[in-house]
Amino acid sequence: MYQGKTNVIAIRRDGFRRNAFFLLSGLCGLTLSYYGFLLHKTITGVVFVSKNEKHMANVRSTLSTLESQYLAKSGSLTLAEAYTIGFVDAPIPTYIKGLNKEVAALSLSLAPSTASNTNGQ
């Protein structure tokens, strides 16, 4: 009779171990799936940023070329005319030897529509 009770306890223990194994295996699989998902999202994000950086470099280059062509064609550009067409002062002026200082100190970006030409005052 004592031997029968040990068999029942052993069966319950085996059932618990089997359930625990499947539970832990499921959790491990779920964790690995989530890791794969996050890894995929990270790689996708890095590729997206890399493509956008290359695209922005091309856009900046094209914009710089177009602005240089515009300034070359309108050789009589003054500082007052530059302000009227939307150019703003550069936050850190960069002077280039051999160019007119008024043109070199201009930023090649357009001013926001709400900005005024009071030089930040």
PDB file of N, CA and C in Angstrom:
ATOM      1  N   MET A   1       0.803  -1.193   0.000  1.00  0.00           N
ATOM      2  CA  MET A   1       0.000   0.000   0.000  1.00  0.00           C
ATOM      3  C   MET A   1       0.854   1.269   0.000  1.00  0.00           C
ATOM      4  N   TYR A   2       1.920   1.276   0.719  1.00  0.00           N
ATOM      5  CA  TYR A   2       2.817   2.433   0.755  1.00  0.00           C
ATOM      6  C   TYR A   2       3.423   2.694  -0.613  1.00  0.00           C
ATOM      7  N   GLN A   3       3.678   1.640  -1.341  1.00  0.00           N
ATOM      8  CA  GLN A   3       4.284   1.772  -2.662  1.00  0.00           C
ATOM      9  C   GLN A   3       3.317   2.457  -3.631  1.00  0.00           C
ATOM     10  N   GLY A   4       2.052   2.281  -3.539  1.00  0.00           N
ATOM     11  CA  GLY A   4       1.074   2.917  -4.404  1.00  0.00           C
ATOM     12  C   GLY A   4       1.053   4.428  -4.227  1.00  0.00           C
ATOM     13  N   LYS A   5       1.209   4.891  -3.008  1.00  0.00           N
ATOM     14  CA  LYS A   5       1.222   6.326  -2.754  1.00  0.00           C
ATOM     15  C   LYS A   5       2.446   6.989  -3.396  1.00  0.00           C
ATOM     16  N   THR A   6       3.569   6.337  -3.385  1.00  0.00           N
ATOM     17  CA  THR A   6       4.758   6.928  -4.008  1.00  0.00           C
ATOM     18  C   THR A   6       4.590   7.027  -5.511  1.00  0.00           C
ATOM     19  N   ASN A   7       3.893   6.094  -6.120  1.00  0.00           N
ATOM     20  CA  ASN A   7       3.653   6.158  -7.554  1.00  0.00           C
ATOM     21  C   ASN A   7       2.782   7.350  -7.904  1.00  0.00           C
ATOM     22  N   VAL A   8       1.797   7.643  -7.095  1.00  0.00           N
ATOM     23  CA  VAL A   8       0.914   8.774  -7.346  1.00  0.00           C
ATOM     24  C   VAL A   8       1.702  10.071  -7.225  1.00  0.00           C
ATOM     25  N   ILE A   9       2.529  10.171  -6.236  1.00  0.00           N
ATOM     26  CA  ILE A   9       3.352  11.368  -6.054  1.00  0.00           C
ATOM     27  C   ILE A   9       4.325  11.506  -7.228  1.00  0.00           C
ATOM     28  N   ALA A  10       4.910  10.427  -7.679  1.00  0.00           N
ATOM     29  CA  ALA A  10       5.848  10.461  -8.805  1.00  0.00           C
ATOM     30  C   ALA A  10       5.134  10.897 -10.077  1.00  0.00           C
ATOM     31  N   ILE A  11       3.911  10.482 -10.281  1.00  0.00           N
ATOM     32  CA  ILE A  11       3.155  10.874 -11.461  1.00  0.00           C
ATOM     33  C   ILE A  11       2.860  12.372 -11.414  1.00  0.00           C
ATOM     34  N   ARG A  12       2.478  12.853 -10.276  1.00  0.00           N
ATOM     35  CA  ARG A  12       2.224  14.281 -10.149  1.00  0.00           C
ATOM     36  C   ARG A  12       3.500  15.092 -10.401  1.00  0.00           C
ATOM     37  N   ARG A  13       4.629  14.622  -9.885  1.00  0.00           N
ATOM     38  CA  ARG A  13       5.889  15.313 -10.083  1.00  0.00           C
ATOM     39  C   ARG A  13       6.269  15.304 -11.564  1.00  0.00           C
ATOM     40  N   ASP A  14       6.095  14.192 -12.224  1.00  0.00           N
ATOM     41  CA  ASP A  14       6.405  14.120 -13.648  1.00  0.00           C
ATOM     42  C   ASP A  14       5.499  15.046 -14.453  1.00  0.00           C
ATOM     43  N   GLY A  15       4.245  15.137 -14.093  1.00  0.00           N
ATOM     44  CA  GLY A  15       3.327  16.051 -14.769  1.00  0.00           C
ATOM     45  C   GLY A  15       3.740  17.500 -14.572  1.00  0.00           C
ATOM     46  N   PHE A  16       4.165  17.827 -13.360  1.00  0.00           N
ATOM     47  CA  PHE A  16       4.615  19.190 -13.079  1.00  0.00           C
ATOM     48  C   PHE A  16       5.878  19.516 -13.872  1.00  0.00           C
ATOM     49  N   ARG A  17       6.809  18.569 -13.934  1.00  0.00           N
ATOM     50  CA  ARG A  17       8.042  18.790 -14.686  1.00  0.00           C
ATOM     51  C   ARG A  17       7.749  18.955 -16.177  1.00  0.00           C
ATOM     52  N   ARG A  18       6.829  18.147 -16.674  1.00  0.00           N
ATOM     53  CA  ARG A  18       6.475  18.241 -18.089  1.00  0.00           C
ATOM     54  C   ARG A  18       5.824  19.597 -18.371  1.00  0.00           C
ATOM     55  N   ASN A  19       4.898  20.027 -17.509  1.00  0.00           N
ATOM     56  CA  ASN A  19       4.245  21.323 -17.692  1.00  0.00           C
ATOM     57  C   ASN A  19       5.253  22.474 -17.554  1.00  0.00           C
ATOM     58  N   ALA A  20       6.154  22.355 -16.603  1.00  0.00           N
ATOM     59  CA  ALA A  20       7.173  23.389 -16.411  1.00  0.00           C
ATOM     60  C   ALA A  20       8.099  23.451 -17.621  1.00  0.00           C
ATOM     61  N   PHE A  21       8.448  22.285 -18.175  1.00  0.00           N
ATOM     62  CA  PHE A  21       9.302  22.250 -19.363  1.00  0.00           C
ATOM     63  C   PHE A  21       8.622  22.963 -20.535  1.00  0.00           C
ATOM     64  N   PHE A  22       7.356  22.633 -20.771  1.00  0.00           N
ATOM     65  CA  PHE A  22       6.641  23.272 -21.873  1.00  0.00           C
ATOM     66  C   PHE A  22       6.444  24.765 -21.634  1.00  0.00           C
ATOM     67  N   LEU A  23       6.179  25.139 -20.396  1.00  0.00           N
ATOM     68  CA  LEU A  23       6.014  26.561 -20.071  1.00  0.00           C
ATOM     69  C   LEU A  23       7.318  27.318 -20.307  1.00  0.00           C
ATOM     70  N   LEU A  24       8.424  26.773 -19.809  1.00  0.00           N
ATOM     71  CA  LEU A  24       9.716  27.439 -19.993  1.00  0.00           C
ATOM     72  C   LEU A  24      10.148  27.424 -21.458  1.00  0.00           C
ATOM     73  N   SER A  25       9.860  26.361 -22.168  1.00  0.00           N
ATOM     74  CA  SER A  25      10.174  26.309 -23.598  1.00  0.00           C
ATOM     75  C   SER A  25       9.370  27.355 -24.366  1.00  0.00           C
ATOM     76  N   GLY A  26       8.108  27.496 -24.013  1.00  0.00           N
ATOM     77  CA  GLY A  26       7.263  28.511 -24.652  1.00  0.00           C
ATOM     78  C   GLY A  26       7.756  29.917 -24.358  1.00  0.00           C
ATOM     79  N   LEU A  27       8.120  30.171 -23.115  1.00  0.00           N
ATOM     80  CA  LEU A  27       8.647  31.489 -22.759  1.00  0.00           C
ATOM     81  C   LEU A  27       9.966  31.770 -23.477  1.00  0.00           C
ATOM     82  N   CYS A  28      10.816  30.760 -23.589  1.00  0.00           N
ATOM     83  CA  CYS A  28      12.085  30.929 -24.309  1.00  0.00           C
ATOM     84  C   CYS A  28      11.825  31.226 -25.783  1.00  0.00           C
ATOM     85  N   GLY A  29      10.889  30.498 -26.386  1.00  0.00           N
ATOM     86  CA  GLY A  29      10.537  30.754 -27.787  1.00  0.00           C
ATOM     87  C   GLY A  29       9.957  32.137 -27.984  1.00  0.00           C
ATOM     88  N   LEU A  30       9.101  32.556 -27.067  1.00  0.00           N
ATOM     89  CA  LEU A  30       8.509  33.897 -27.141  1.00  0.00           C
ATOM     90  C   LEU A  30       9.587  34.973 -26.998  1.00  0.00           C
ATOM     91  N   THR A  31      10.514  34.769 -26.087  1.00  0.00           N
ATOM     92  CA  THR A  31      11.601  35.730 -25.887  1.00  0.00           C
ATOM     93  C   THR A  31      12.486  35.821 -27.133  1.00  0.00           C
ATOM     94  N   LEU A  32      12.810  34.672 -27.731  1.00  0.00           N
ATOM     95  CA  LEU A  32      13.628  34.682 -28.945  1.00  0.00           C
ATOM     96  C   LEU A  32      12.892  35.335 -30.112  1.00  0.00           C
ATOM     97  N   SER A  33      11.599  35.107 -30.210  1.00  0.00           N
ATOM     98  CA  SER A  33      10.814  35.755 -31.270  1.00  0.00           C
ATOM     99  C   SER A  33      10.808  37.270 -31.084  1.00  0.00           C
ATOM    100  N   TYR A  34      10.619  37.722 -29.860  1.00  0.00           N
ATOM    101  CA  TYR A  34      10.613  39.162 -29.577  1.00  0.00           C
ATOM    102  C   TYR A  34      11.987  39.772 -29.855  1.00  0.00           C
ATOM    103  N   TYR A  35      13.054  39.048 -29.502  1.00  0.00           N
ATOM    104  CA  TYR A  35      14.409  39.511 -29.790  1.00  0.00           C
ATOM    105  C   TYR A  35      14.605  39.658 -31.303  1.00  0.00           C
ATOM    106  N   GLY A  36      14.147  38.677 -32.070  1.00  0.00           N
ATOM    107  CA  GLY A  36      14.255  38.753 -33.524  1.00  0.00           C
ATOM    108  C   GLY A  36      13.485  39.935 -34.083  1.00  0.00           C
ATOM    109  N   PHE A  37      12.300  40.186 -33.543  1.00  0.00           N
ATOM    110  CA  PHE A  37      11.499  41.331 -33.978  1.00  0.00           C
ATOM    111  C   PHE A  37      12.238  42.644 -33.708  1.00  0.00           C
ATOM    112  N   LEU A  38      12.769  42.799 -32.499  1.00  0.00           N
ATOM    113  CA  LEU A  38      13.487  44.029 -32.154  1.00  0.00           C
ATOM    114  C   LEU A  38      14.760  44.181 -32.975  1.00  0.00           C
ATOM    115  N   LEU A  39      15.444  43.086 -33.252  1.00  0.00           N
ATOM    116  CA  LEU A  39      16.640  43.138 -34.084  1.00  0.00           C
ATOM    117  C   LEU A  39      16.286  43.586 -35.496  1.00  0.00           C
ATOM    118  N   HIS A  40      15.195  43.074 -36.025  1.00  0.00           N
ATOM    119  CA  HIS A  40      14.731  43.471 -37.362  1.00  0.00           C
ATOM    120  C   HIS A  40      14.388  44.954 -37.393  1.00  0.00           C
ATOM    121  N   LYS A  41      13.686  45.440 -36.371  1.00  0.00           N
ATOM    122  CA  LYS A  41      13.327  46.862 -36.313  1.00  0.00           C
ATOM    123  C   LYS A  41      14.575  47.736 -36.223  1.00  0.00           C
ATOM    124  N   THR A  42      15.582  47.304 -35.482  1.00  0.00           N
ATOM    125  CA  THR A  42      16.815  48.077 -35.356  1.00  0.00           C
ATOM    126  C   THR A  42      17.544  48.150 -36.694  1.00  0.00           C
ATOM    127  N   ILE A  43      17.666  47.030 -37.367  1.00  0.00           N
ATOM    128  CA  ILE A  43      18.359  47.007 -38.663  1.00  0.00           C
ATOM    129  C   ILE A  43      17.600  47.859 -39.674  1.00  0.00           C
ATOM    130  N   THR A  44      16.268  47.747 -39.681  1.00  0.00           N
ATOM    131  CA  THR A  44      15.454  48.549 -40.592  1.00  0.00           C
ATOM    132  C   THR A  44      15.641  50.042 -40.315  1.00  0.00           C
ATOM    133  N   GLY A  45      15.698  50.415 -39.044  1.00  0.00           N
ATOM    134  CA  GLY A  45      15.901  51.819 -38.683  1.00  0.00           C
ATOM    135  C   GLY A  45      17.256  52.340 -39.114  1.00  0.00           C
ATOM    136  N   VAL A  46      18.290  51.535 -38.936  1.00  0.00           N
ATOM    137  CA  VAL A  46      19.637  51.958 -39.329  1.00  0.00           C
ATOM    138  C   VAL A  46      19.715  52.131 -40.847  1.00  0.00           C
ATOM    139  N   VAL A  47      19.124  51.212 -41.588  1.00  0.00           N
ATOM    140  CA  VAL A  47      19.128  51.321 -43.051  1.00  0.00           C
ATOM    141  C   VAL A  47      18.354  52.560 -43.484  1.00  0.00           C
ATOM    142  N   PHE A  48      17.220  52.834 -42.838  1.00  0.00           N
ATOM    143  CA  PHE A  48      16.408  54.008 -43.163  1.00  0.00           C
ATOM    144  C   PHE A  48      17.191  55.295 -42.934  1.00  0.00           C
ATOM    145  N   VAL A  49      17.867  55.394 -41.794  1.00  0.00           N
ATOM    146  CA  VAL A  49      18.654  56.594 -41.479  1.00  0.00           C
ATOM    147  C   VAL A  49      19.802  56.745 -42.473  1.00  0.00           C
ATOM    148  N   SER A  50      20.455  55.659 -42.808  1.00  0.00           N
ATOM    149  CA  SER A  50      21.568  55.711 -43.757  1.00  0.00           C
ATOM    150  C   SER A  50      21.107  56.197 -45.130  1.00  0.00           C
ATOM    151  N   LYS A  51      19.983  55.667 -45.610  1.00  0.00           N
ATOM    152  CA  LYS A  51      19.462  56.110 -46.906  1.00  0.00           C
ATOM    153  C   LYS A  51      19.070  57.580 -46.863  1.00  0.00           C
ATOM    154  N   ASN A  52      18.451  58.012 -45.758  1.00  0.00           N
ATOM    155  CA  ASN A  52      18.050  59.412 -45.653  1.00  0.00           C
ATOM    156  C   ASN A  52      19.249  60.350 -45.579  1.00  0.00           C
ATOM    157  N   GLU A  53      20.314  59.932 -44.909  1.00  0.00           N
ATOM    158  CA  GLU A  53      21.514  60.765 -44.851  1.00  0.00           C
ATOM    159  C   GLU A  53      22.116  60.944 -46.245  1.00  0.00           C
ATOM    160  N   LYS A  54      22.149  59.868 -47.027  1.00  0.00           N
ATOM    161  CA  LYS A  54      22.668  59.969 -48.389  1.00  0.00           C
ATOM    162  C   LYS A  54      21.778  60.867 -49.241  1.00  0.00           C
ATOM    163  N   HIS A  55      20.479  60.720 -49.082  1.00  0.00           N
ATOM    164  CA  HIS A  55      19.541  61.548 -49.845  1.00  0.00           C
ATOM    165  C   HIS A  55      19.684  63.024 -49.461  1.00  0.00           C
ATOM    166  N   MET A  56      19.799  63.300 -48.161  1.00  0.00           N
ATOM    167  CA  MET A  56      19.954  64.684 -47.716  1.00  0.00           C
ATOM    168  C   MET A  56      21.273  65.279 -48.205  1.00  0.00           C
ATOM    169  N   ALA A  57      22.318  64.488 -48.278  1.00  0.00           N
ATOM    170  CA  ALA A  57      23.591  64.983 -48.811  1.00  0.00           C
ATOM    171  C   ALA A  57      23.429  65.372 -50.278  1.00  0.00           C
ATOM    172  N   ASN A  58      22.695  64.552 -51.033  1.00  0.00           N
ATOM    173  CA  ASN A  58      22.442  64.883 -52.435  1.00  0.00           C
ATOM    174  C   ASN A  58      21.602  66.143 -52.566  1.00  0.00           C
ATOM    175  N   VAL A  59      20.590  66.282 -51.714  1.00  0.00           N
ATOM    176  CA  VAL A  59      19.728  67.468 -51.764  1.00  0.00           C
ATOM    177  C   VAL A  59      20.528  68.714 -51.398  1.00  0.00           C
ATOM    178  N   ARG A  60      21.371  68.623 -50.359  1.00  0.00           N
ATOM    179  CA  ARG A  60      22.192  69.773 -49.972  1.00  0.00           C
ATOM    180  C   ARG A  60      23.141  70.175 -51.096  1.00  0.00           C
ATOM    181  N   SER A  61      23.733  69.185 -51.738  1.00  0.00           N
ATOM    182  CA  SER A  61      24.648  69.462 -52.842  1.00  0.00           C
ATOM    183  C   SER A  61      23.921  70.149 -53.995  1.00  0.00           C
ATOM    184  N   THR A  62      22.754  69.621 -54.345  1.00  0.00           N
ATOM    185  CA  THR A  62      21.961  70.222 -55.422  1.00  0.00           C
ATOM    186  C   THR A  62      21.530  71.626 -55.060  1.00  0.00           C
ATOM    187  N   LEU A  63      21.082  71.822 -53.831  1.00  0.00           N
ATOM    188  CA  LEU A  63      20.654  73.147 -53.383  1.00  0.00           C
ATOM    189  C   LEU A  63      21.811  74.129 -53.392  1.00  0.00           C
ATOM    190  N   SER A  64      22.950  73.693 -52.935  1.00  0.00           N
ATOM    191  CA  SER A  64      24.124  74.562 -52.934  1.00  0.00           C
ATOM    192  C   SER A  64      24.517  74.963 -54.358  1.00  0.00           C
ATOM    193  N   THR A  65      24.461  74.010 -55.262  1.00  0.00           N
ATOM    194  CA  THR A  65      24.783  74.301 -56.662  1.00  0.00           C
ATOM    195  C   THR A  65      23.793  75.299 -57.254  1.00  0.00           C
ATOM    196  N   LEU A  66      22.516  75.090 -56.998  1.00  0.00           N
ATOM    197  CA  LEU A  66      21.497  76.006 -57.525  1.00  0.00           C
ATOM    198  C   LEU A  66      21.641  77.408 -56.941  1.00  0.00           C
ATOM    199  N   GLU A  67      21.920  77.489 -55.638  1.00  0.00           N
ATOM    200  CA  GLU A  67      22.091  78.803 -55.014  1.00  0.00           C
ATOM    201  C   GLU A  67      23.343  79.503 -55.545  1.00  0.00           C
ATOM    202  N   SER A  68      24.397  78.741 -55.770  1.00  0.00           N
ATOM    203  CA  SER A  68      25.609  79.333 -56.338  1.00  0.00           C
ATOM    204  C   SER A  68      25.355  79.849 -57.746  1.00  0.00           C
ATOM    205  N   GLN A  69      24.600  79.081 -58.519  1.00  0.00           N
ATOM    206  CA  GLN A  69      24.257  79.534 -59.866  1.00  0.00           C
ATOM    207  C   GLN A  69      23.399  80.800 -59.819  1.00  0.00           C
ATOM    208  N   TYR A  70      22.475  80.850 -58.887  1.00  0.00           N
ATOM    209  CA  TYR A  70      21.627  82.031 -58.758  1.00  0.00           C
ATOM    210  C   TYR A  70      22.467  83.256 -58.395  1.00  0.00           C
ATOM    211  N   LEU A  71      23.359  83.068 -57.421  1.00  0.00           N
ATOM    212  CA  LEU A  71      24.199  84.202 -57.009  1.00  0.00           C
ATOM    213  C   LEU A  71      25.150  84.619 -58.132  1.00  0.00           C
ATOM    214  N   ALA A  72      25.606  83.676 -58.931  1.00  0.00           N
ATOM    215  CA  ALA A  72      26.492  84.016 -60.044  1.00  0.00           C
ATOM    216  C   ALA A  72      25.742  84.788 -61.130  1.00  0.00           C
ATOM    217  N   LYS A  73      24.489  84.411 -61.374  1.00  0.00           N
ATOM    218  CA  LYS A  73      23.710  85.090 -62.415  1.00  0.00           C
ATOM    219  C   LYS A  73      23.266  86.480 -61.969  1.00  0.00           C
ATOM    220  N   SER A  74      22.999  86.636 -60.702  1.00  0.00           N
ATOM    221  CA  SER A  74      22.612  87.956 -60.206  1.00  0.00           C
ATOM    222  C   SER A  74      23.807  88.540 -59.466  1.00  0.00           C
ATOM    223  N   GLY A  75      24.821  88.913 -60.198  1.00  0.00           N
ATOM    224  CA  GLY A  75      26.082  89.380 -59.639  1.00  0.00           C
ATOM    225  C   GLY A  75      25.966  90.640 -58.812  1.00  0.00           C
ATOM    226  N   SER A  76      24.872  91.351 -58.898  1.00  0.00           N
ATOM    227  CA  SER A  76      24.733  92.595 -58.153  1.00  0.00           C
ATOM    228  C   SER A  76      23.885  92.405 -56.896  1.00  0.00           C
ATOM    229  N   LEU A  77      23.991  91.281 -56.263  1.00  0.00           N
ATOM    230  CA  LEU A  77      23.207  91.015 -55.062  1.00  0.00           C
ATOM    231  C   LEU A  77      23.811  91.779 -53.887  1.00  0.00           C
ATOM    232  N   THR A  78      22.980  92.568 -53.234  1.00  0.00           N
ATOM    233  CA  THR A  78      23.420  93.307 -52.048  1.00  0.00           C
ATOM    234  C   THR A  78      22.804  92.664 -50.826  1.00  0.00           C
ATOM    235  N   LEU A  79      23.280  93.077 -49.682  1.00  0.00           N
ATOM    236  CA  LEU A  79      22.773  92.518 -48.434  1.00  0.00           C
ATOM    237  C   LEU A  79      21.294  92.836 -48.253  1.00  0.00           C
ATOM    238  N   ALA A  80      20.875  94.024 -48.603  1.00  0.00           N
ATOM    239  CA  ALA A  80      19.462  94.403 -48.470  1.00  0.00           C
ATOM    240  C   ALA A  80      18.584  93.566 -49.388  1.00  0.00           C
ATOM    241  N   GLU A  81      19.045  93.324 -50.620  1.00  0.00           N
ATOM    242  CA  GLU A  81      18.270  92.492 -51.549  1.00  0.00           C
ATOM    243  C   GLU A  81      18.198  91.050 -51.059  1.00  0.00           C
ATOM    244  N   ALA A  82      19.263  90.575 -50.459  1.00  0.00           N
ATOM    245  CA  ALA A  82      19.266  89.209 -49.939  1.00  0.00           C
ATOM    246  C   ALA A  82      18.234  89.055 -48.828  1.00  0.00           C
ATOM    247  N   TYR A  83      18.147  90.049 -47.941  1.00  0.00           N
ATOM    248  CA  TYR A  83      17.135  89.988 -46.887  1.00  0.00           C
ATOM    249  C   TYR A  83      15.724  89.989 -47.473  1.00  0.00           C
ATOM    250  N   THR A  84      15.494  90.750 -48.527  1.00  0.00           N
ATOM    251  CA  THR A  84      14.144  90.830 -49.095  1.00  0.00           C
ATOM    252  C   THR A  84      13.730  89.525 -49.772  1.00  0.00           C
ATOM    253  N   ILE A  85      14.678  88.749 -50.299  1.00  0.00           N
ATOM    254  CA  ILE A  85      14.279  87.492 -50.935  1.00  0.00           C
ATOM    255  C   ILE A  85      14.274  86.325 -49.953  1.00  0.00           C
ATOM    256  N   GLY A  86      14.584  86.575 -48.681  1.00  0.00           N
ATOM    257  CA  GLY A  86      14.423  85.542 -47.664  1.00  0.00           C
ATOM    258  C   GLY A  86      15.684  84.977 -47.067  1.00  0.00           C
ATOM    259  N   PHE A  87      16.850  85.470 -47.424  1.00  0.00           N
ATOM    260  CA  PHE A  87      18.074  84.976 -46.807  1.00  0.00           C
ATOM    261  C   PHE A  87      18.204  85.561 -45.407  1.00  0.00           C
ATOM    262  N   VAL A  88      18.885  84.827 -44.541  1.00  0.00           N
ATOM    263  CA  VAL A  88      19.082  85.268 -43.160  1.00  0.00           C
ATOM    264  C   VAL A  88      20.568  85.286 -42.853  1.00  0.00           C
ATOM    265  N   ASP A  89      20.926  85.967 -41.760  1.00  0.00           N
ATOM    266  CA  ASP A  89      22.323  85.987 -41.328  1.00  0.00           C
ATOM    267  C   ASP A  89      22.719  84.589 -40.859  1.00  0.00           C
ATOM    268  N   ALA A  90      23.944  84.210 -41.133  1.00  0.00           N
ATOM    269  CA  ALA A  90      24.452  82.917 -40.689  1.00  0.00           C
ATOM    270  C   ALA A  90      24.675  82.958 -39.186  1.00  0.00           C
ATOM    271  N   PRO A  91      24.337  81.874 -38.477  1.00  0.00           N
ATOM    272  CA  PRO A  91      24.586  81.864 -37.029  1.00  0.00           C
ATOM    273  C   PRO A  91      26.072  81.982 -36.715  1.00  0.00           C
ATOM    274  N   ILE A  92      26.916  81.349 -37.523  1.00  0.00           N
ATOM    275  CA  ILE A  92      28.371  81.473 -37.397  1.00  0.00           C
ATOM    276  C   ILE A  92      28.882  81.874 -38.772  1.00  0.00           C
ATOM    277  N   PRO A  93      29.136  83.150 -38.977  1.00  0.00           N
ATOM    278  CA  PRO A  93      29.566  83.597 -40.309  1.00  0.00           C
ATOM    279  C   PRO A  93      30.884  82.946 -40.721  1.00  0.00           C
ATOM    280  N   THR A  94      30.938  82.523 -41.974  1.00  0.00           N
ATOM    281  CA  THR A  94      32.151  81.943 -42.541  1.00  0.00           C
ATOM    282  C   THR A  94      32.580  82.823 -43.695  1.00  0.00           C
ATOM    283  N   TYR A  95      33.757  83.365 -43.601  1.00  0.00           N
ATOM    284  CA  TYR A  95      34.256  84.254 -44.636  1.00  0.00           C
ATOM    285  C   TYR A  95      35.215  83.492 -45.531  1.00  0.00           C
ATOM    286  N   ILE A  96      35.064  83.695 -46.815  1.00  0.00           N
ATOM    287  CA  ILE A  96      35.893  83.022 -47.800  1.00  0.00           C
ATOM    288  C   ILE A  96      36.737  84.079 -48.491  1.00  0.00           C
ATOM    289  N   LYS A  97      38.040  83.851 -48.573  1.00  0.00           N
ATOM    290  CA  LYS A  97      38.930  84.825 -49.192  1.00  0.00           C
ATOM    291  C   LYS A  97      38.567  85.026 -50.646  1.00  0.00           C
ATOM    292  N   GLY A  98      38.591  86.262 -51.077  1.00  0.00           N
ATOM    293  CA  GLY A  98      38.385  86.579 -52.477  1.00  0.00           C
ATOM    294  C   GLY A  98      36.941  86.887 -52.833  1.00  0.00           C
ATOM    295  N   LEU A  99      35.998  86.645 -51.939  1.00  0.00           N
ATOM    296  CA  LEU A  99      34.596  86.953 -52.220  1.00  0.00           C
ATOM    297  C   LEU A  99      34.176  88.225 -51.498  1.00  0.00           C
ATOM    298  N   ASN A 100      33.110  88.786 -51.979  1.00  0.00           N
ATOM    299  CA  ASN A 100      32.533  89.950 -51.340  1.00  0.00           C
ATOM    300  C   ASN A 100      32.093  89.553 -49.926  1.00  0.00           C
ATOM    301  N   LYS A 101      32.450  90.329 -48.924  1.00  0.00           N
ATOM    302  CA  LYS A 101      32.127  89.972 -47.543  1.00  0.00           C
ATOM    303  C   LYS A 101      30.625  89.957 -47.295  1.00  0.00           C
ATOM    304  N   GLU A 102      29.880  90.805 -47.971  1.00  0.00           N
ATOM    305  CA  GLU A 102      28.426  90.813 -47.780  1.00  0.00           C
ATOM    306  C   GLU A 102      27.822  89.492 -48.241  1.00  0.00           C
ATOM    307  N   VAL A 103      28.277  88.962 -49.343  1.00  0.00           N
ATOM    308  CA  VAL A 103      27.740  87.714 -49.870  1.00  0.00           C
ATOM    309  C   VAL A 103      28.212  86.533 -49.026  1.00  0.00           C
ATOM    310  N   ALA A 104      29.472  86.551 -48.587  1.00  0.00           N
ATOM    311  CA  ALA A 104      30.025  85.435 -47.827  1.00  0.00           C
ATOM    312  C   ALA A 104      29.373  85.293 -46.464  1.00  0.00           C
ATOM    313  N   ALA A 105      28.869  86.372 -45.878  1.00  0.00           N
ATOM    314  CA  ALA A 105      28.280  86.321 -44.547  1.00  0.00           C
ATOM    315  C   ALA A 105      26.824  85.883 -44.575  1.00  0.00           C
ATOM    316  N   LEU A 106      26.233  85.740 -45.750  1.00  0.00           N
ATOM    317  CA  LEU A 106      24.834  85.335 -45.836  1.00  0.00           C
ATOM    318  C   LEU A 106      24.694  83.837 -45.664  1.00  0.00           C
ATOM    319  N   SER A 107      23.592  83.448 -45.046  1.00  0.00           N
ATOM    320  CA  SER A 107      23.265  82.039 -44.970  1.00  0.00           C
ATOM    321  C   SER A 107      22.516  81.664 -46.232  1.00  0.00           C
ATOM    322  N   LEU A 108      22.758  80.481 -46.743  1.00  0.00           N
ATOM    323  CA  LEU A 108      22.082  80.051 -47.952  1.00  0.00           C
ATOM    324  C   LEU A 108      20.790  79.302 -47.635  1.00  0.00           C
ATOM    325  N   SER A 109      20.171  79.606 -46.514  1.00  0.00           N
ATOM    326  CA  SER A 109      18.879  79.001 -46.197  1.00  0.00           C
ATOM    327  C   SER A 109      17.846  80.110 -46.085  1.00  0.00           C
ATOM    328  N   LEU A 110      16.619  79.773 -46.418  1.00  0.00           N
ATOM    329  CA  LEU A 110      15.553  80.760 -46.374  1.00  0.00           C
ATOM    330  C   LEU A 110      15.079  80.975 -44.954  1.00  0.00           C
ATOM    331  N   ALA A 111      14.655  82.176 -44.672  1.00  0.00           N
ATOM    332  CA  ALA A 111      14.163  82.514 -43.350  1.00  0.00           C
ATOM    333  C   ALA A 111      12.750  81.972 -43.182  1.00  0.00           C
ATOM    334  N   PRO A 112      12.362  81.596 -41.960  1.00  0.00           N
ATOM    335  CA  PRO A 112      10.975  81.211 -41.723  1.00  0.00           C
ATOM    336  C   PRO A 112      10.056  82.403 -41.961  1.00  0.00           C
ATOM    337  N   SER A 113       8.823  82.138 -42.308  1.00  0.00           N
ATOM    338  CA  SER A 113       7.904  83.218 -42.665  1.00  0.00           C
ATOM    339  C   SER A 113       7.604  84.150 -41.501  1.00  0.00           C
ATOM    340  N   THR A 114       7.768  83.663 -40.251  1.00  0.00           N
ATOM    341  CA  THR A 114       7.462  84.518 -39.094  1.00  0.00           C
ATOM    342  C   THR A 114       8.674  85.282 -38.587  1.00  0.00           C
ATOM    343  N   ALA A 115       9.857  84.980 -39.115  1.00  0.00           N
ATOM    344  CA  ALA A 115      11.076  85.644 -38.623  1.00  0.00           C
ATOM    345  C   ALA A 115      11.155  87.060 -39.187  1.00  0.00           C
ATOM    346  N   SER A 116      11.723  87.929 -38.386  1.00  0.00           N
ATOM    347  CA  SER A 116      11.941  89.295 -38.843  1.00  0.00           C
ATOM    348  C   SER A 116      13.421  89.505 -39.056  1.00  0.00           C
ATOM    349  N   ASN A 117      13.768  90.549 -39.749  1.00  0.00           N
ATOM    350  CA  ASN A 117      15.164  90.837 -40.043  1.00  0.00           C
ATOM    351  C   ASN A 117      15.750  91.794 -39.021  1.00  0.00           C
ATOM    352  N   THR A 118      15.517  91.539 -37.756  1.00  0.00           N
ATOM    353  CA  THR A 118      16.043  92.413 -36.702  1.00  0.00           C
ATOM    354  C   THR A 118      17.260  91.794 -36.043  1.00  0.00           C
ATOM    355  N   ASN A 119      17.847  90.763 -36.649  1.00  0.00           N
ATOM    356  CA  ASN A 119      19.053  90.112 -36.141  1.00  0.00           C
ATOM    357  C   ASN A 119      18.882  89.585 -34.730  1.00  0.00           C
ATOM    358  N   GLY A 120      17.702  88.968 -34.440  1.00  0.00           N
ATOM    359  CA  GLY A 120      17.475  88.336 -33.155  1.00  0.00           C
ATOM    360  C   GLY A 120      17.123  89.278 -32.028  1.00  0.00           C
ATOM    361  N   GLN A 121      16.797  90.535 -32.320  1.00  0.00           N
ATOM    362  CA  GLN A 121      16.469  91.485 -31.245  1.00  0.00           C
ATOM    363  C   GLN A 121      14.984  91.617 -31.106  1.00  0.00           C
TER     364      GLN A 121
END
